N, C-alpha and C. Protein backbone atom coordinates (compact mmCIF):
# COMPACT_ATOMS: atom_id res chain seq x y z
N MET A 1 54.35 -86.12 75.77
CA MET A 1 54.42 -84.72 76.15
C MET A 1 54.92 -84.62 77.60
N ASP A 2 55.68 -83.60 77.85
CA ASP A 2 56.15 -83.36 79.21
C ASP A 2 54.97 -83.10 80.13
N ASP A 3 55.16 -83.35 81.41
CA ASP A 3 54.10 -83.19 82.40
C ASP A 3 54.26 -81.85 83.11
N TYR A 4 53.61 -80.82 82.56
CA TYR A 4 53.65 -79.48 83.15
C TYR A 4 52.57 -79.37 84.20
N THR A 5 52.88 -78.68 85.30
CA THR A 5 51.91 -78.45 86.35
C THR A 5 51.74 -76.95 86.53
N LEU A 6 50.48 -76.53 86.53
CA LEU A 6 50.16 -75.13 86.75
C LEU A 6 49.71 -75.00 88.21
N MET A 7 50.33 -74.07 88.94
CA MET A 7 50.02 -73.91 90.37
C MET A 7 50.11 -72.44 90.76
N GLU A 8 49.66 -72.15 91.98
CA GLU A 8 49.76 -70.79 92.51
C GLU A 8 51.23 -70.40 92.61
N LEU A 9 51.54 -69.16 92.24
CA LEU A 9 52.92 -68.66 92.30
C LEU A 9 53.21 -68.19 93.73
N SER A 10 54.21 -68.79 94.35
CA SER A 10 54.58 -68.42 95.71
C SER A 10 55.51 -67.20 95.72
N GLU A 11 55.67 -66.60 96.87
CA GLU A 11 56.60 -65.47 97.00
C GLU A 11 58.03 -65.93 96.70
N GLU A 12 58.40 -67.12 97.15
CA GLU A 12 59.74 -67.64 96.87
C GLU A 12 59.98 -67.78 95.37
N GLN A 13 58.98 -68.27 94.65
CA GLN A 13 59.10 -68.38 93.20
C GLN A 13 59.17 -67.01 92.55
N ALA A 14 58.41 -66.06 93.06
CA ALA A 14 58.46 -64.69 92.53
C ALA A 14 59.86 -64.10 92.71
N LYS A 15 60.46 -64.35 93.86
CA LYS A 15 61.83 -63.87 94.10
C LYS A 15 62.80 -64.53 93.13
N GLU A 16 62.59 -65.81 92.87
CA GLU A 16 63.44 -66.54 91.92
C GLU A 16 63.35 -65.93 90.52
N ILE A 17 62.14 -65.57 90.10
CA ILE A 17 61.92 -64.97 88.78
C ILE A 17 62.72 -63.67 88.65
N CYS A 18 62.82 -62.91 89.74
CA CYS A 18 63.58 -61.65 89.71
C CYS A 18 65.06 -61.89 89.42
N ASN A 19 65.53 -63.10 89.62
CA ASN A 19 66.94 -63.43 89.35
C ASN A 19 67.17 -63.98 87.94
N TRP A 20 66.12 -64.26 87.19
CA TRP A 20 66.30 -64.75 85.82
C TRP A 20 66.94 -63.65 84.98
N ARG A 21 67.89 -64.00 84.15
CA ARG A 21 68.58 -63.02 83.31
C ARG A 21 68.59 -63.45 81.85
N TYR A 22 68.00 -62.59 81.03
CA TYR A 22 67.95 -62.81 79.58
C TYR A 22 69.10 -62.05 78.94
N GLU A 23 69.55 -62.54 77.80
CA GLU A 23 70.70 -61.96 77.09
C GLU A 23 70.24 -61.05 75.94
N GLY A 24 71.13 -60.15 75.54
CA GLY A 24 70.92 -59.33 74.35
C GLY A 24 69.64 -58.52 74.41
N GLU A 25 68.94 -58.46 73.26
CA GLU A 25 67.72 -57.65 73.18
C GLU A 25 66.63 -58.15 74.13
N TYR A 26 66.72 -59.41 74.53
CA TYR A 26 65.73 -59.97 75.46
C TYR A 26 65.95 -59.50 76.89
N SER A 27 67.05 -58.84 77.16
CA SER A 27 67.32 -58.34 78.52
C SER A 27 66.27 -57.32 78.97
N ILE A 28 65.49 -56.81 78.04
CA ILE A 28 64.40 -55.90 78.37
C ILE A 28 63.39 -56.58 79.31
N TYR A 29 63.39 -57.92 79.30
CA TYR A 29 62.46 -58.69 80.13
C TYR A 29 63.01 -59.00 81.52
N ASN A 30 64.24 -58.59 81.81
CA ASN A 30 64.80 -58.83 83.14
C ASN A 30 64.09 -57.99 84.19
N PHE A 31 63.71 -58.62 85.29
CA PHE A 31 63.14 -57.90 86.42
C PHE A 31 64.26 -57.23 87.20
N SER A 32 63.88 -56.22 87.95
CA SER A 32 64.79 -55.66 88.94
C SER A 32 64.91 -56.64 90.10
N ASP A 33 65.80 -56.35 91.04
CA ASP A 33 65.91 -57.20 92.22
C ASP A 33 64.62 -57.12 93.02
N TRP A 34 64.40 -58.12 93.88
CA TRP A 34 63.16 -58.25 94.64
C TRP A 34 62.84 -57.00 95.45
N GLU A 35 63.84 -56.40 96.09
CA GLU A 35 63.59 -55.22 96.91
C GLU A 35 63.02 -54.07 96.07
N THR A 36 63.52 -53.91 94.86
CA THR A 36 63.02 -52.87 93.95
C THR A 36 61.60 -53.18 93.50
N VAL A 37 61.34 -54.45 93.20
CA VAL A 37 60.00 -54.88 92.80
C VAL A 37 59.00 -54.58 93.91
N VAL A 38 59.37 -54.86 95.15
CA VAL A 38 58.51 -54.59 96.30
C VAL A 38 58.32 -53.09 96.48
N LYS A 39 59.43 -52.33 96.43
CA LYS A 39 59.37 -50.87 96.61
C LYS A 39 58.45 -50.21 95.59
N ASN A 40 58.50 -50.70 94.35
CA ASN A 40 57.68 -50.13 93.28
C ASN A 40 56.26 -50.70 93.23
N LYS A 41 55.99 -51.65 94.14
CA LYS A 41 54.67 -52.26 94.22
C LYS A 41 54.23 -52.87 92.89
N TRP A 42 55.16 -53.57 92.23
CA TRP A 42 54.81 -54.28 91.00
C TRP A 42 54.01 -55.51 91.36
N GLY A 43 53.08 -55.89 90.49
CA GLY A 43 52.13 -56.96 90.76
C GLY A 43 52.71 -58.23 91.33
N LEU A 44 53.87 -58.60 90.87
CA LEU A 44 54.53 -59.83 91.30
C LEU A 44 54.76 -59.85 92.81
N SER A 45 54.93 -58.66 93.40
CA SER A 45 55.26 -58.58 94.84
C SER A 45 54.04 -58.41 95.74
N ILE A 46 52.89 -58.15 95.18
CA ILE A 46 51.68 -57.92 95.97
C ILE A 46 50.95 -59.26 96.12
N GLU A 47 50.90 -59.73 97.35
CA GLU A 47 50.38 -61.09 97.59
C GLU A 47 48.99 -61.32 96.97
N LYS A 48 48.07 -60.40 97.19
CA LYS A 48 46.70 -60.56 96.67
C LYS A 48 46.70 -60.66 95.13
N LYS A 49 47.45 -59.79 94.50
CA LYS A 49 47.53 -59.79 93.03
C LYS A 49 48.26 -61.05 92.53
N ARG A 50 49.33 -61.42 93.23
CA ARG A 50 50.09 -62.62 92.84
C ARG A 50 49.19 -63.85 92.89
N LYS A 51 48.37 -63.94 93.95
CA LYS A 51 47.50 -65.11 94.11
C LYS A 51 46.34 -65.10 93.12
N SER A 52 45.88 -63.93 92.72
CA SER A 52 44.71 -63.87 91.84
C SER A 52 45.06 -63.83 90.35
N GLU A 53 46.27 -63.37 90.01
CA GLU A 53 46.60 -63.20 88.59
C GLU A 53 47.77 -64.04 88.10
N PHE A 54 48.70 -64.40 88.97
CA PHE A 54 49.91 -65.09 88.55
C PHE A 54 49.82 -66.59 88.80
N VAL A 55 50.45 -67.36 87.93
CA VAL A 55 50.56 -68.81 88.11
C VAL A 55 52.00 -69.24 87.83
N ALA A 56 52.38 -70.31 88.50
CA ALA A 56 53.69 -70.93 88.25
C ALA A 56 53.48 -72.13 87.34
N ILE A 57 54.41 -72.35 86.42
CA ILE A 57 54.40 -73.55 85.59
C ILE A 57 55.65 -74.33 85.95
N VAL A 58 55.43 -75.53 86.45
CA VAL A 58 56.50 -76.37 86.99
C VAL A 58 56.63 -77.61 86.13
N LEU A 59 57.87 -78.01 85.88
CA LEU A 59 58.18 -79.24 85.15
C LEU A 59 59.21 -80.00 85.96
N ASN A 60 58.90 -81.24 86.31
CA ASN A 60 59.81 -82.04 87.13
C ASN A 60 60.25 -81.31 88.39
N ASN A 61 59.31 -80.72 89.10
CA ASN A 61 59.54 -79.97 90.35
C ASN A 61 60.42 -78.74 90.19
N GLU A 62 60.56 -78.23 88.97
CA GLU A 62 61.37 -77.04 88.72
C GLU A 62 60.50 -75.95 88.09
N LEU A 63 60.60 -74.74 88.63
CA LEU A 63 59.88 -73.60 88.05
C LEU A 63 60.52 -73.27 86.71
N ILE A 64 59.76 -73.44 85.64
CA ILE A 64 60.32 -73.14 84.32
C ILE A 64 59.66 -71.93 83.67
N SER A 65 58.50 -71.51 84.22
CA SER A 65 57.77 -70.42 83.60
C SER A 65 56.77 -69.86 84.60
N TYR A 66 56.29 -68.67 84.30
CA TYR A 66 55.16 -68.13 85.05
C TYR A 66 54.22 -67.48 84.05
N GLY A 67 52.99 -67.36 84.44
CA GLY A 67 52.00 -66.71 83.59
C GLY A 67 51.21 -65.71 84.41
N ARG A 68 50.63 -64.78 83.70
CA ARG A 68 49.72 -63.83 84.33
C ARG A 68 48.44 -63.86 83.52
N VAL A 69 47.33 -64.06 84.21
CA VAL A 69 46.03 -64.13 83.57
C VAL A 69 45.15 -63.10 84.28
N SER A 70 44.74 -62.07 83.54
CA SER A 70 43.97 -61.01 84.17
C SER A 70 42.89 -60.51 83.22
N LEU A 71 41.87 -59.93 83.79
CA LEU A 71 40.76 -59.39 83.01
C LEU A 71 40.90 -57.88 82.94
N LYS A 72 40.97 -57.36 81.73
CA LYS A 72 41.02 -55.91 81.51
C LYS A 72 39.90 -55.57 80.55
N PHE A 73 39.02 -54.71 81.01
CA PHE A 73 37.82 -54.37 80.25
C PHE A 73 37.06 -55.66 79.98
N ASP A 74 36.89 -56.06 78.75
CA ASP A 74 36.13 -57.29 78.48
C ASP A 74 37.02 -58.40 77.89
N LYS A 75 38.34 -58.29 78.08
CA LYS A 75 39.28 -59.26 77.52
C LYS A 75 40.11 -59.92 78.61
N ALA A 76 40.39 -61.20 78.41
CA ALA A 76 41.30 -61.94 79.29
C ALA A 76 42.71 -61.80 78.69
N TYR A 77 43.62 -61.20 79.45
CA TYR A 77 44.98 -60.97 78.99
C TYR A 77 45.90 -62.06 79.53
N ILE A 78 46.78 -62.54 78.66
CA ILE A 78 47.81 -63.50 79.05
C ILE A 78 49.16 -62.80 79.01
N GLY A 79 49.95 -63.03 80.04
CA GLY A 79 51.35 -62.65 80.05
C GLY A 79 52.15 -63.90 80.39
N ILE A 80 53.35 -63.99 79.87
CA ILE A 80 54.15 -65.19 80.11
C ILE A 80 55.62 -64.83 80.24
N GLY A 81 56.30 -65.52 81.11
CA GLY A 81 57.76 -65.43 81.23
C GLY A 81 58.31 -66.83 81.31
N LEU A 82 59.32 -67.12 80.53
CA LEU A 82 59.94 -68.45 80.49
C LEU A 82 61.36 -68.33 81.01
N ARG A 83 61.73 -69.22 81.92
CA ARG A 83 63.09 -69.22 82.46
C ARG A 83 64.07 -69.21 81.27
N PRO A 84 65.05 -68.30 81.28
CA PRO A 84 65.93 -68.13 80.12
C PRO A 84 66.54 -69.42 79.57
N CYS A 85 66.96 -70.33 80.41
CA CYS A 85 67.60 -71.56 79.90
C CYS A 85 66.62 -72.49 79.21
N PHE A 86 65.31 -72.21 79.30
CA PHE A 86 64.30 -73.03 78.62
C PHE A 86 63.80 -72.38 77.33
N CYS A 87 64.24 -71.15 77.05
CA CYS A 87 63.80 -70.44 75.84
C CYS A 87 64.33 -71.15 74.59
N GLY A 88 63.49 -71.20 73.57
CA GLY A 88 63.90 -71.78 72.29
C GLY A 88 64.00 -73.30 72.31
N LYS A 89 63.41 -73.94 73.31
CA LYS A 89 63.53 -75.40 73.43
C LYS A 89 62.18 -76.11 73.30
N GLY A 90 61.19 -75.40 72.77
CA GLY A 90 59.91 -76.04 72.49
C GLY A 90 58.90 -76.07 73.63
N HIS A 91 59.16 -75.39 74.71
CA HIS A 91 58.22 -75.41 75.84
C HIS A 91 57.09 -74.40 75.69
N GLY A 92 57.31 -73.34 74.95
CA GLY A 92 56.35 -72.24 74.86
C GLY A 92 54.97 -72.66 74.42
N LYS A 93 54.89 -73.52 73.42
CA LYS A 93 53.59 -73.94 72.87
C LYS A 93 52.76 -74.65 73.94
N ASN A 94 53.35 -75.59 74.66
CA ASN A 94 52.62 -76.32 75.70
C ASN A 94 52.22 -75.41 76.85
N ILE A 95 53.10 -74.51 77.22
CA ILE A 95 52.80 -73.58 78.31
C ILE A 95 51.68 -72.63 77.90
N MET A 96 51.73 -72.14 76.67
CA MET A 96 50.66 -71.26 76.19
C MET A 96 49.32 -71.98 76.17
N LYS A 97 49.31 -73.25 75.79
CA LYS A 97 48.06 -74.02 75.80
C LYS A 97 47.49 -74.11 77.22
N LEU A 98 48.37 -74.31 78.21
CA LEU A 98 47.93 -74.33 79.61
C LEU A 98 47.31 -72.98 80.01
N LEU A 99 47.98 -71.89 79.61
CA LEU A 99 47.49 -70.55 79.98
C LEU A 99 46.18 -70.22 79.26
N ILE A 100 46.04 -70.66 78.03
CA ILE A 100 44.78 -70.46 77.30
C ILE A 100 43.65 -71.19 78.02
N GLU A 101 43.90 -72.43 78.43
CA GLU A 101 42.89 -73.19 79.16
C GLU A 101 42.55 -72.53 80.50
N GLU A 102 43.56 -71.97 81.17
CA GLU A 102 43.31 -71.27 82.43
C GLU A 102 42.46 -70.02 82.19
N CYS A 103 42.70 -69.30 81.11
CA CYS A 103 41.87 -68.15 80.76
C CYS A 103 40.42 -68.58 80.52
N LYS A 104 40.25 -69.66 79.78
CA LYS A 104 38.89 -70.15 79.50
C LYS A 104 38.18 -70.56 80.79
N ARG A 105 38.93 -71.16 81.71
CA ARG A 105 38.35 -71.59 82.98
C ARG A 105 37.93 -70.38 83.83
N ARG A 106 38.82 -69.38 83.91
CA ARG A 106 38.56 -68.21 84.75
C ARG A 106 37.58 -67.23 84.12
N PHE A 107 37.69 -67.06 82.82
CA PHE A 107 36.91 -66.03 82.11
C PHE A 107 36.24 -66.64 80.88
N PRO A 108 35.28 -67.55 81.08
CA PRO A 108 34.70 -68.30 79.96
C PRO A 108 33.97 -67.46 78.92
N ASP A 109 33.53 -66.28 79.29
CA ASP A 109 32.76 -65.45 78.36
C ASP A 109 33.56 -64.33 77.72
N ASN A 110 34.88 -64.36 77.88
CA ASN A 110 35.71 -63.26 77.38
C ASN A 110 36.71 -63.75 76.34
N GLY A 111 36.99 -62.89 75.37
CA GLY A 111 38.03 -63.19 74.41
C GLY A 111 39.39 -63.17 75.08
N ILE A 112 40.36 -63.86 74.48
CA ILE A 112 41.71 -63.96 75.05
C ILE A 112 42.67 -63.18 74.15
N VAL A 113 43.48 -62.32 74.78
CA VAL A 113 44.40 -61.46 74.03
C VAL A 113 45.75 -61.41 74.74
N LEU A 114 46.73 -60.86 74.04
CA LEU A 114 48.03 -60.60 74.64
C LEU A 114 48.71 -59.48 73.88
N GLU A 115 49.75 -58.92 74.50
CA GLU A 115 50.60 -57.93 73.86
C GLU A 115 52.02 -58.49 73.86
N VAL A 116 52.75 -58.21 72.79
CA VAL A 116 54.13 -58.68 72.68
C VAL A 116 54.94 -57.63 71.92
N ARG A 117 56.16 -57.43 72.36
CA ARG A 117 57.03 -56.49 71.63
C ARG A 117 57.25 -57.03 70.22
N SER A 118 57.20 -56.14 69.25
CA SER A 118 57.25 -56.56 67.84
C SER A 118 58.58 -57.21 67.44
N PHE A 119 59.66 -56.96 68.18
CA PHE A 119 60.95 -57.58 67.82
C PHE A 119 61.01 -59.05 68.22
N ASN A 120 60.13 -59.49 69.11
CA ASN A 120 60.22 -60.82 69.71
C ASN A 120 59.61 -61.88 68.78
N LYS A 121 60.30 -62.14 67.69
CA LYS A 121 59.81 -63.06 66.64
C LYS A 121 59.58 -64.47 67.18
N ARG A 122 60.45 -64.92 68.07
CA ARG A 122 60.31 -66.27 68.63
C ARG A 122 58.97 -66.40 69.36
N ALA A 123 58.63 -65.43 70.19
CA ALA A 123 57.37 -65.46 70.92
C ALA A 123 56.18 -65.32 69.96
N ILE A 124 56.29 -64.42 69.01
CA ILE A 124 55.20 -64.20 68.04
C ILE A 124 54.90 -65.49 67.29
N ASN A 125 55.93 -66.19 66.85
CA ASN A 125 55.73 -67.47 66.15
C ASN A 125 55.05 -68.48 67.05
N CYS A 126 55.46 -68.54 68.31
CA CYS A 126 54.83 -69.44 69.28
C CYS A 126 53.34 -69.10 69.42
N TYR A 127 53.03 -67.83 69.59
CA TYR A 127 51.64 -67.41 69.78
C TYR A 127 50.80 -67.73 68.55
N ARG A 128 51.36 -67.51 67.37
CA ARG A 128 50.65 -67.87 66.13
C ARG A 128 50.38 -69.37 66.07
N ASN A 129 51.36 -70.15 66.49
CA ASN A 129 51.23 -71.61 66.45
C ASN A 129 50.13 -72.16 67.35
N VAL A 130 49.76 -71.40 68.39
CA VAL A 130 48.69 -71.87 69.29
C VAL A 130 47.35 -71.19 69.01
N GLY A 131 47.29 -70.35 67.98
CA GLY A 131 46.00 -69.79 67.56
C GLY A 131 45.78 -68.30 67.74
N PHE A 132 46.85 -67.53 67.96
CA PHE A 132 46.71 -66.07 68.05
C PHE A 132 47.00 -65.44 66.69
N GLU A 133 46.35 -64.30 66.43
CA GLU A 133 46.60 -63.50 65.23
C GLU A 133 46.91 -62.07 65.64
N ILE A 134 47.82 -61.44 64.90
CA ILE A 134 48.12 -60.02 65.12
C ILE A 134 46.94 -59.21 64.61
N LYS A 135 46.43 -58.33 65.48
CA LYS A 135 45.29 -57.48 65.13
C LYS A 135 45.64 -56.00 65.09
N ASP A 136 46.75 -55.62 65.75
CA ASP A 136 47.11 -54.21 65.79
C ASP A 136 48.59 -54.07 66.12
N LYS A 137 49.16 -52.93 65.76
CA LYS A 137 50.55 -52.59 66.08
C LYS A 137 50.55 -51.16 66.57
N TYR A 138 51.29 -50.89 67.67
CA TYR A 138 51.28 -49.55 68.24
C TYR A 138 52.51 -49.35 69.11
N MET A 139 52.78 -48.10 69.42
CA MET A 139 53.83 -47.74 70.36
C MET A 139 53.20 -47.64 71.74
N LYS A 140 53.94 -48.11 72.74
CA LYS A 140 53.40 -48.13 74.10
C LYS A 140 54.52 -47.78 75.07
N LYS A 141 54.16 -46.96 76.07
CA LYS A 141 55.09 -46.63 77.14
C LYS A 141 55.28 -47.86 78.02
N THR A 142 56.52 -48.14 78.40
CA THR A 142 56.82 -49.30 79.23
C THR A 142 57.12 -48.85 80.65
N PHE A 143 57.30 -49.81 81.55
CA PHE A 143 57.47 -49.51 82.98
C PHE A 143 58.67 -48.61 83.25
N ASP A 144 59.67 -48.61 82.36
CA ASP A 144 60.86 -47.79 82.59
C ASP A 144 60.78 -46.43 81.88
N ASP A 145 59.57 -46.05 81.46
CA ASP A 145 59.29 -44.77 80.79
C ASP A 145 59.86 -44.66 79.38
N SER A 146 60.31 -45.78 78.81
CA SER A 146 60.69 -45.75 77.40
C SER A 146 59.46 -46.15 76.58
N GLU A 147 59.60 -46.13 75.26
CA GLU A 147 58.50 -46.54 74.39
C GLU A 147 58.98 -47.66 73.49
N ASP A 148 58.14 -48.66 73.31
CA ASP A 148 58.44 -49.78 72.43
C ASP A 148 57.26 -50.04 71.52
N GLU A 149 57.54 -50.71 70.40
CA GLU A 149 56.48 -51.10 69.49
C GLU A 149 55.94 -52.47 69.92
N PHE A 150 54.62 -52.57 70.00
CA PHE A 150 53.95 -53.80 70.43
C PHE A 150 52.97 -54.27 69.38
N TYR A 151 52.72 -55.57 69.38
CA TYR A 151 51.61 -56.16 68.64
C TYR A 151 50.55 -56.54 69.66
N TYR A 152 49.31 -56.31 69.27
CA TYR A 152 48.14 -56.78 70.01
C TYR A 152 47.65 -58.01 69.26
N MET A 153 47.59 -59.14 69.97
CA MET A 153 47.19 -60.40 69.32
C MET A 153 45.96 -60.95 70.01
N GLU A 154 45.06 -61.51 69.19
CA GLU A 154 43.83 -62.11 69.70
C GLU A 154 43.85 -63.60 69.42
N TYR A 155 43.31 -64.36 70.36
CA TYR A 155 43.20 -65.81 70.22
C TYR A 155 41.97 -66.11 69.37
N ILE A 156 42.21 -66.80 68.27
CA ILE A 156 41.10 -67.17 67.40
C ILE A 156 40.88 -68.68 67.42
N GLY A 157 41.72 -69.38 68.16
CA GLY A 157 41.59 -70.83 68.30
C GLY A 157 42.27 -71.59 67.18
N GLN A 158 42.17 -72.90 67.27
CA GLN A 158 42.79 -73.74 66.25
C GLN A 158 41.80 -74.73 65.70
């Protein structure tokens, strides 16, 4: 297995993530430029939030992914972004296992959940493969004031 390292996400890495560009329907996951992210006070740009909720996943000294682990109500939420050139190459399962373990470490008494856009079959399959099940489907307003269909998935383990 590859040697993934989970570490605190630095501001430099956050700026790098803003430059990642996804193609086609996945372009919905593209961040705005760093200045816009800062101006809008998105979590990635707020040092306290970045240090408490975001993590970098590094492989061979290269940032390949980031995760967000946060507590909302009584659930530990996972968010994940994978560098576009690493998508579809088998890294998601190992990275998700790292993030699940980080959730268990930070929030041992809480269930683990995530939300994913319903069109993102590749991600949904990855999440199922590591022990998540779809529990709900709904429309949700997104950061750009549009609405998308999402699945709510819960970790049931393996």
